[in-house]
Amino acid sequence: VATQWEDAGVKVTLDGGDENYVLANTFAA
């Protein structure tokens, strides 16, 4: 996804983690 978006002209920062990390940084951010 990041490659596709960068090819379309936007800068992408990937920020990965486990399930709890994703939850804490989106739904519960």
PDB file of all heavy atoms in Angstrom:
ATOM      1  N   VAL A   1       0.842  -1.208   0.000  1.00  0.00           N
ATOM      2  CA  VAL A   1       0.000   0.000   0.000  1.00  0.00           C
ATOM      3  C   VAL A   1       0.870   1.249   0.000  1.00  0.00           C
ATOM      4  O   VAL A   1       0.612   2.205  -0.753  1.00  0.00           O
ATOM      5  CB  VAL A   1      -0.951  -0.013   1.216  1.00  0.00           C
ATOM      6  CG1 VAL A   1      -1.660   1.337   1.359  1.00  0.00           C
ATOM      7  CG2 VAL A   1      -1.977  -1.128   1.072  1.00  0.00           C
ATOM      8  N   ALA A   2       1.915   1.254   0.835  1.00  0.00           N
ATOM      9  CA  ALA A   2       2.795   2.418   0.904  1.00  0.00           C
ATOM     10  C   ALA A   2       3.470   2.680  -0.443  1.00  0.00           C
ATOM     11  O   ALA A   2       3.574   3.838  -0.886  1.00  0.00           O
ATOM     12  CB  ALA A   2       3.853   2.207   1.992  1.00  0.00           C
ATOM     13  N   THR A   3       3.911   1.625  -1.102  1.00  0.00           N
ATOM     14  CA  THR A   3       4.547   1.777  -2.416  1.00  0.00           C
ATOM     15  C   THR A   3       3.573   2.361  -3.430  1.00  0.00           C
ATOM     16  O   THR A   3       3.918   3.272  -4.203  1.00  0.00           O
ATOM     17  CB  THR A   3       5.072   0.419  -2.921  1.00  0.00           C
ATOM     18  OG1 THR A   3       6.077  -0.065  -2.022  1.00  0.00           O
ATOM     19  CG2 THR A   3       5.668   0.548  -4.312  1.00  0.00           C
ATOM     20  N   GLN A   4       2.351   1.869  -3.437  1.00  0.00           N
ATOM     21  CA  GLN A   4       1.343   2.370  -4.371  1.00  0.00           C
ATOM     22  C   GLN A   4       1.046   3.844  -4.127  1.00  0.00           C
ATOM     23  O   GLN A   4       0.894   4.627  -5.074  1.00  0.00           O
ATOM     24  CB  GLN A   4       0.063   1.544  -4.261  1.00  0.00           C
ATOM     25  CG  GLN A   4       0.204   0.080  -4.680  1.00  0.00           C
ATOM     26  CD  GLN A   4       0.627  -0.057  -6.135  1.00  0.00           C
ATOM     27  OE1 GLN A   4       1.776  -0.405  -6.429  1.00  0.00           O
ATOM     28  NE2 GLN A   4      -0.279   0.237  -7.052  1.00  0.00           N
ATOM     29  N   TRP A   5       0.963   4.216  -2.862  1.00  0.00           N
ATOM     30  CA  TRP A   5       0.663   5.622  -2.541  1.00  0.00           C
ATOM     31  C   TRP A   5       1.837   6.534  -2.874  1.00  0.00           C
ATOM     32  O   TRP A   5       1.654   7.637  -3.368  1.00  0.00           O
ATOM     33  CB  TRP A   5       0.281   5.742  -1.071  1.00  0.00           C
ATOM     34  CG  TRP A   5      -1.107   5.207  -0.780  1.00  0.00           C
ATOM     35  CD1 TRP A   5      -2.053   4.845  -1.694  1.00  0.00           C
ATOM     36  CD2 TRP A   5      -1.686   4.976   0.512  1.00  0.00           C
ATOM     37  NE1 TRP A   5      -3.189   4.405  -1.055  1.00  0.00           N
ATOM     38  CE2 TRP A   5      -3.009   4.476   0.298  1.00  0.00           C
ATOM     39  CE3 TRP A   5      -1.234   5.137   1.817  1.00  0.00           C
ATOM     40  CZ2 TRP A   5      -3.864   4.151   1.354  1.00  0.00           C
ATOM     41  CZ3 TRP A   5      -2.087   4.819   2.866  1.00  0.00           C
ATOM     42  CH2 TRP A   5      -3.382   4.334   2.639  1.00  0.00           C
ATOM     43  N   GLU A   6       3.037   6.040  -2.624  1.00  0.00           N
ATOM     44  CA  GLU A   6       4.214   6.857  -2.964  1.00  0.00           C
ATOM     45  C   GLU A   6       4.345   7.020  -4.474  1.00  0.00           C
ATOM     46  O   GLU A   6       4.714   8.096  -4.964  1.00  0.00           O
ATOM     47  CB  GLU A   6       5.467   6.230  -2.363  1.00  0.00           C
ATOM     48  CG  GLU A   6       5.538   6.404  -0.846  1.00  0.00           C
ATOM     49  CD  GLU A   6       6.761   5.759  -0.237  1.00  0.00           C
ATOM     50  OE1 GLU A   6       7.339   4.843  -0.879  1.00  0.00           O
ATOM     51  OE2 GLU A   6       7.146   6.150   0.877  1.00  0.00           O
ATOM     52  N   ASP A   7       4.033   5.968  -5.220  1.00  0.00           N
ATOM     53  CA  ASP A   7       4.050   6.069  -6.675  1.00  0.00           C
ATOM     54  C   ASP A   7       3.016   7.077  -7.173  1.00  0.00           C
ATOM     55  O   ASP A   7       3.184   7.672  -8.248  1.00  0.00           O
ATOM     56  CB  ASP A   7       3.779   4.704  -7.312  1.00  0.00           C
ATOM     57  CG  ASP A   7       4.958   3.751  -7.161  1.00  0.00           C
ATOM     58  OD1 ASP A   7       6.055   4.210  -6.803  1.00  0.00           O
ATOM     59  OD2 ASP A   7       4.760   2.538  -7.399  1.00  0.00           O
ATOM     60  N   ALA A   8       1.958   7.273  -6.382  1.00  0.00           N
ATOM     61  CA  ALA A   8       0.917   8.234  -6.750  1.00  0.00           C
ATOM     62  C   ALA A   8       1.271   9.650  -6.325  1.00  0.00           C
ATOM     63  O   ALA A   8       0.508  10.582  -6.603  1.00  0.00           O
ATOM     64  CB  ALA A   8      -0.415   7.834  -6.131  1.00  0.00           C
ATOM     65  N   GLY A   9       2.421   9.807  -5.637  1.00  0.00           N
ATOM     66  CA  GLY A   9       2.905  11.151  -5.353  1.00  0.00           C
ATOM     67  C   GLY A   9       2.801  11.638  -3.926  1.00  0.00           C
ATOM     68  O   GLY A   9       3.001  12.830  -3.662  1.00  0.00           O
ATOM     69  N   VAL A  10       2.491  10.749  -2.965  1.00  0.00           N
ATOM     70  CA  VAL A  10       2.416  11.201  -1.578  1.00  0.00           C
ATOM     71  C   VAL A  10       3.529  10.548  -0.764  1.00  0.00           C
ATOM     72  O   VAL A  10       4.015   9.466  -1.103  1.00  0.00           O
ATOM     73  CB  VAL A  10       1.046  10.873  -0.949  1.00  0.00           C
ATOM     74  CG1 VAL A  10      -0.068  11.603  -1.675  1.00  0.00           C
ATOM     75  CG2 VAL A  10       0.790   9.373  -0.940  1.00  0.00           C
ATOM     76  N   LYS A  11       3.917  11.212   0.295  1.00  0.00           N
ATOM     77  CA  LYS A  11       4.928  10.678   1.192  1.00  0.00           C
ATOM     78  C   LYS A  11       4.246   9.798   2.229  1.00  0.00           C
ATOM     79  O   LYS A  11       3.238  10.196   2.818  1.00  0.00           O
ATOM     80  CB  LYS A  11       5.684  11.811   1.886  1.00  0.00           C
ATOM     81  CG  LYS A  11       6.766  11.327   2.846  1.00  0.00           C
ATOM     82  CD  LYS A  11       7.488  12.491   3.503  1.00  0.00           C
ATOM     83  CE  LYS A  11       8.542  11.993   4.488  1.00  0.00           C
ATOM     84  NZ  LYS A  11       9.242  13.127   5.159  1.00  0.00           N
ATOM     85  N   VAL A  12       4.800   8.617   2.465  1.00  0.00           N
ATOM     86  CA  VAL A  12       4.179   7.666   3.385  1.00  0.00           C
ATOM     87  C   VAL A  12       5.165   7.279   4.477  1.00  0.00           C
ATOM     88  O   VAL A  12       6.321   6.941   4.192  1.00  0.00           O
ATOM     89  CB  VAL A  12       3.706   6.393   2.655  1.00  0.00           C
ATOM     90  CG1 VAL A  12       3.055   5.420   3.641  1.00  0.00           C
ATOM     91  CG2 VAL A  12       2.726   6.746   1.541  1.00  0.00           C
ATOM     92  N   THR A  13       4.706   7.333   5.706  1.00  0.00           N
ATOM     93  CA  THR A  13       5.459   6.827   6.850  1.00  0.00           C
ATOM     94  C   THR A  13       4.749   5.599   7.380  1.00  0.00           C
ATOM     95  O   THR A  13       3.564   5.652   7.734  1.00  0.00           O
ATOM     96  CB  THR A  13       5.546   7.872   7.973  1.00  0.00           C
ATOM     97  OG1 THR A  13       6.232   9.029   7.495  1.00  0.00           O
ATOM     98  CG2 THR A  13       6.280   7.319   9.183  1.00  0.00           C
ATOM     99  N   LEU A  14       5.452   4.477   7.391  1.00  0.00           N
ATOM    100  CA  LEU A  14       4.886   3.239   7.928  1.00  0.00           C
ATOM    101  C   LEU A  14       5.152   3.164   9.424  1.00  0.00           C
ATOM    102  O   LEU A  14       6.288   3.361   9.880  1.00  0.00           O
ATOM    103  CB  LEU A  14       5.496   2.029   7.239  1.00  0.00           C
ATOM    104  CG  LEU A  14       5.010   1.742   5.815  1.00  0.00           C
ATOM    105  CD1 LEU A  14       5.820   0.616   5.197  1.00  0.00           C
ATOM    106  CD2 LEU A  14       3.535   1.394   5.824  1.00  0.00           C
ATOM    107  N   ASP A  15       4.121   2.882  10.197  1.00  0.00           N
ATOM    108  CA  ASP A  15       4.229   2.809  11.651  1.00  0.00           C
ATOM    109  C   ASP A  15       3.545   1.531  12.106  1.00  0.00           C
ATOM    110  O   ASP A  15       2.325   1.477  12.255  1.00  0.00           O
ATOM    111  CB  ASP A  15       3.561   4.042  12.285  1.00  0.00           C
ATOM    112  CG  ASP A  15       3.801   4.115  13.790  1.00  0.00           C
ATOM    113  OD1 ASP A  15       4.482   3.224  14.335  1.00  0.00           O
ATOM    114  OD2 ASP A  15       3.305   5.080  14.412  1.00  0.00           O
ATOM    115  N   GLY A  16       4.343   0.473  12.286  1.00  0.00           N
ATOM    116  CA  GLY A  16       3.773  -0.834  12.585  1.00  0.00           C
ATOM    117  C   GLY A  16       3.956  -1.254  14.023  1.00  0.00           C
ATOM    118  O   GLY A  16       4.863  -0.792  14.731  1.00  0.00           O
ATOM    119  N   GLY A  17       3.094  -2.128  14.458  1.00  0.00           N
ATOM    120  CA  GLY A  17       3.171  -2.693  15.797  1.00  0.00           C
ATOM    121  C   GLY A  17       2.183  -3.828  15.923  1.00  0.00           C
ATOM    122  O   GLY A  17       1.486  -4.178  14.967  1.00  0.00           O
ATOM    123  N   ASP A  18       2.104  -4.393  17.124  1.00  0.00           N
ATOM    124  CA  ASP A  18       1.170  -5.499  17.309  1.00  0.00           C
ATOM    125  C   ASP A  18      -0.253  -4.963  17.404  1.00  0.00           C
ATOM    126  O   ASP A  18      -0.513  -3.777  17.253  1.00  0.00           O
ATOM    127  CB  ASP A  18       1.556  -6.334  18.531  1.00  0.00           C
ATOM    128  CG  ASP A  18       1.474  -5.540  19.844  1.00  0.00           C
ATOM    129  OD1 ASP A  18       0.889  -4.423  19.857  1.00  0.00           O
ATOM    130  OD2 ASP A  18       1.978  -6.046  20.867  1.00  0.00           O
ATOM    131  N   GLU A  19      -1.184  -5.871  17.659  1.00  0.00           N
ATOM    132  CA  GLU A  19      -2.594  -5.509  17.651  1.00  0.00           C
ATOM    133  C   GLU A  19      -2.911  -4.409  18.649  1.00  0.00           C
ATOM    134  O   GLU A  19      -3.663  -3.468  18.362  1.00  0.00           O
ATOM    135  CB  GLU A  19      -3.455  -6.742  17.942  1.00  0.00           C
ATOM    136  CG  GLU A  19      -3.385  -7.808  16.866  1.00  0.00           C
ATOM    137  CD  GLU A  19      -2.239  -8.782  17.078  1.00  0.00           C
ATOM    138  OE1 GLU A  19      -1.417  -8.551  17.981  1.00  0.00           O
ATOM    139  OE2 GLU A  19      -2.153  -9.770  16.343  1.00  0.00           O
ATOM    140  N   ASN A  20      -2.350  -4.512  19.865  1.00  0.00           N
ATOM    141  CA  ASN A  20      -2.602  -3.500  20.876  1.00  0.00           C
ATOM    142  C   ASN A  20      -2.019  -2.149  20.469  1.00  0.00           C
ATOM    143  O   ASN A  20      -2.588  -1.104  20.776  1.00  0.00           O
ATOM    144  CB  ASN A  20      -2.022  -3.947  22.222  1.00  0.00           C
ATOM    145  CG  ASN A  20      -2.830  -5.078  22.837  1.00  0.00           C
ATOM    146  OD1 ASN A  20      -4.045  -5.115  22.731  1.00  0.00           O
ATOM    147  ND2 ASN A  20      -2.139  -6.007  23.477  1.00  0.00           N
ATOM    148  N   TYR A  21      -0.904  -2.178  19.772  1.00  0.00           N
ATOM    149  CA  TYR A  21      -0.287  -0.932  19.300  1.00  0.00           C
ATOM    150  C   TYR A  21      -1.196  -0.244  18.284  1.00  0.00           C
ATOM    151  O   TYR A  21      -1.407   0.972  18.340  1.00  0.00           O
ATOM    152  CB  TYR A  21       1.070  -1.229  18.672  1.00  0.00           C
ATOM    153  CG  TYR A  21       1.805   0.006  18.188  1.00  0.00           C
ATOM    154  CD1 TYR A  21       2.601   0.748  19.058  1.00  0.00           C
ATOM    155  CD2 TYR A  21       1.693   0.437  16.867  1.00  0.00           C
ATOM    156  CE1 TYR A  21       3.268   1.887  18.624  1.00  0.00           C
ATOM    157  CE2 TYR A  21       2.350   1.562  16.422  1.00  0.00           C
ATOM    158  CZ  TYR A  21       3.140   2.287  17.310  1.00  0.00           C
ATOM    159  OH  TYR A  21       3.784   3.429  16.872  1.00  0.00           O
ATOM    160  N   VAL A  22      -1.735  -1.033  17.358  1.00  0.00           N
ATOM    161  CA  VAL A  22      -2.632  -0.462  16.351  1.00  0.00           C
ATOM    162  C   VAL A  22      -3.849   0.146  17.017  1.00  0.00           C
ATOM    163  O   VAL A  22      -4.274   1.261  16.697  1.00  0.00           O
ATOM    164  CB  VAL A  22      -3.046  -1.537  15.332  1.00  0.00           C
ATOM    165  CG1 VAL A  22      -4.100  -0.998  14.376  1.00  0.00           C
ATOM    166  CG2 VAL A  22      -1.834  -2.022  14.544  1.00  0.00           C
ATOM    167  N   LEU A  23      -4.432  -0.565  17.954  1.00  0.00           N
ATOM    168  CA  LEU A  23      -5.601  -0.066  18.663  1.00  0.00           C
ATOM    169  C   LEU A  23      -5.293   1.231  19.407  1.00  0.00           C
ATOM    170  O   LEU A  23      -6.045   2.206  19.330  1.00  0.00           O
ATOM    171  CB  LEU A  23      -6.092  -1.131  19.645  1.00  0.00           C
ATOM    172  CG  LEU A  23      -7.277  -0.761  20.536  1.00  0.00           C
ATOM    173  CD1 LEU A  23      -8.505  -0.477  19.690  1.00  0.00           C
ATOM    174  CD2 LEU A  23      -7.550  -1.858  21.542  1.00  0.00           C
ATOM    175  N   ALA A  24      -4.168   1.234  20.132  1.00  0.00           N
ATOM    176  CA  ALA A  24      -3.824   2.395  20.946  1.00  0.00           C
ATOM    177  C   ALA A  24      -3.540   3.626  20.107  1.00  0.00           C
ATOM    178  O   ALA A  24      -3.727   4.763  20.575  1.00  0.00           O
ATOM    179  CB  ALA A  24      -2.608   2.071  21.820  1.00  0.00           C
ATOM    180  N   ASN A  25      -3.106   3.430  18.870  1.00  0.00           N
ATOM    181  CA  ASN A  25      -2.714   4.561  18.044  1.00  0.00           C
ATOM    182  C   ASN A  25      -3.742   4.943  16.985  1.00  0.00           C
ATOM    183  O   ASN A  25      -3.479   5.804  16.147  1.00  0.00           O
ATOM    184  CB  ASN A  25      -1.370   4.269  17.384  1.00  0.00           C
ATOM    185  CG  ASN A  25      -0.226   4.350  18.370  1.00  0.00           C
ATOM    186  OD1 ASN A  25       0.281   5.421  18.664  1.00  0.00           O
ATOM    187  ND2 ASN A  25       0.167   3.195  18.908  1.00  0.00           N
ATOM    188  N   THR A  26      -4.910   4.311  17.038  1.00  0.00           N
ATOM    189  CA  THR A  26      -6.003   4.677  16.123  1.00  0.00           C
ATOM    190  C   THR A  26      -7.289   4.838  16.922  1.00  0.00           C
ATOM    191  O   THR A  26      -7.682   5.937  17.284  1.00  0.00           O
ATOM    192  CB  THR A  26      -6.181   3.615  15.024  1.00  0.00           C
ATOM    193  OG1 THR A  26      -6.310   2.315  15.612  1.00  0.00           O
ATOM    194  CG2 THR A  26      -5.003   3.611  14.075  1.00  0.00           C
ATOM    195  N   PHE A  27      -7.918   3.737  17.227  1.00  0.00           N
ATOM    196  CA  PHE A  27      -9.201   3.752  17.920  1.00  0.00           C
ATOM    197  C   PHE A  27      -9.123   4.462  19.269  1.00  0.00           C
ATOM    198  O   PHE A  27     -10.057   5.172  19.658  1.00  0.00           O
ATOM    199  CB  PHE A  27      -9.681   2.309  18.108  1.00  0.00           C
ATOM    200  CG  PHE A  27     -11.031   2.189  18.738  1.00  0.00           C
ATOM    201  CD1 PHE A  27     -12.171   2.488  18.011  1.00  0.00           C
ATOM    202  CD2 PHE A  27     -11.163   1.760  20.043  1.00  0.00           C
ATOM    203  CE1 PHE A  27     -13.429   2.375  18.589  1.00  0.00           C
ATOM    204  CE2 PHE A  27     -12.406   1.639  20.625  1.00  0.00           C
ATOM    205  CZ  PHE A  27     -13.541   1.945  19.903  1.00  0.00           C
ATOM    206  N   ALA A  28      -8.020   4.278  19.984  1.00  0.00           N
ATOM    207  CA  ALA A  28      -7.881   4.860  21.320  1.00  0.00           C
ATOM    208  C   ALA A  28      -6.797   5.933  21.368  1.00  0.00           C
ATOM    209  O   ALA A  28      -6.285   6.260  22.440  1.00  0.00           O
ATOM    210  CB  ALA A  28      -7.569   3.757  22.331  1.00  0.00           C
ATOM    211  N   ALA A  29      -6.455   6.511  20.223  1.00  0.00           N
ATOM    212  CA  ALA A  29      -5.371   7.505  20.175  1.00  0.00           C
ATOM    213  C   ALA A  29      -5.732   8.757  20.961  1.00  0.00           C
ATOM    214  O   ALA A  29      -6.815   9.324  20.803  1.00  0.00           O
ATOM    215  CB  ALA A  29      -5.069   7.867  18.729  1.00  0.00           C
TER     216      ALA A  29
END
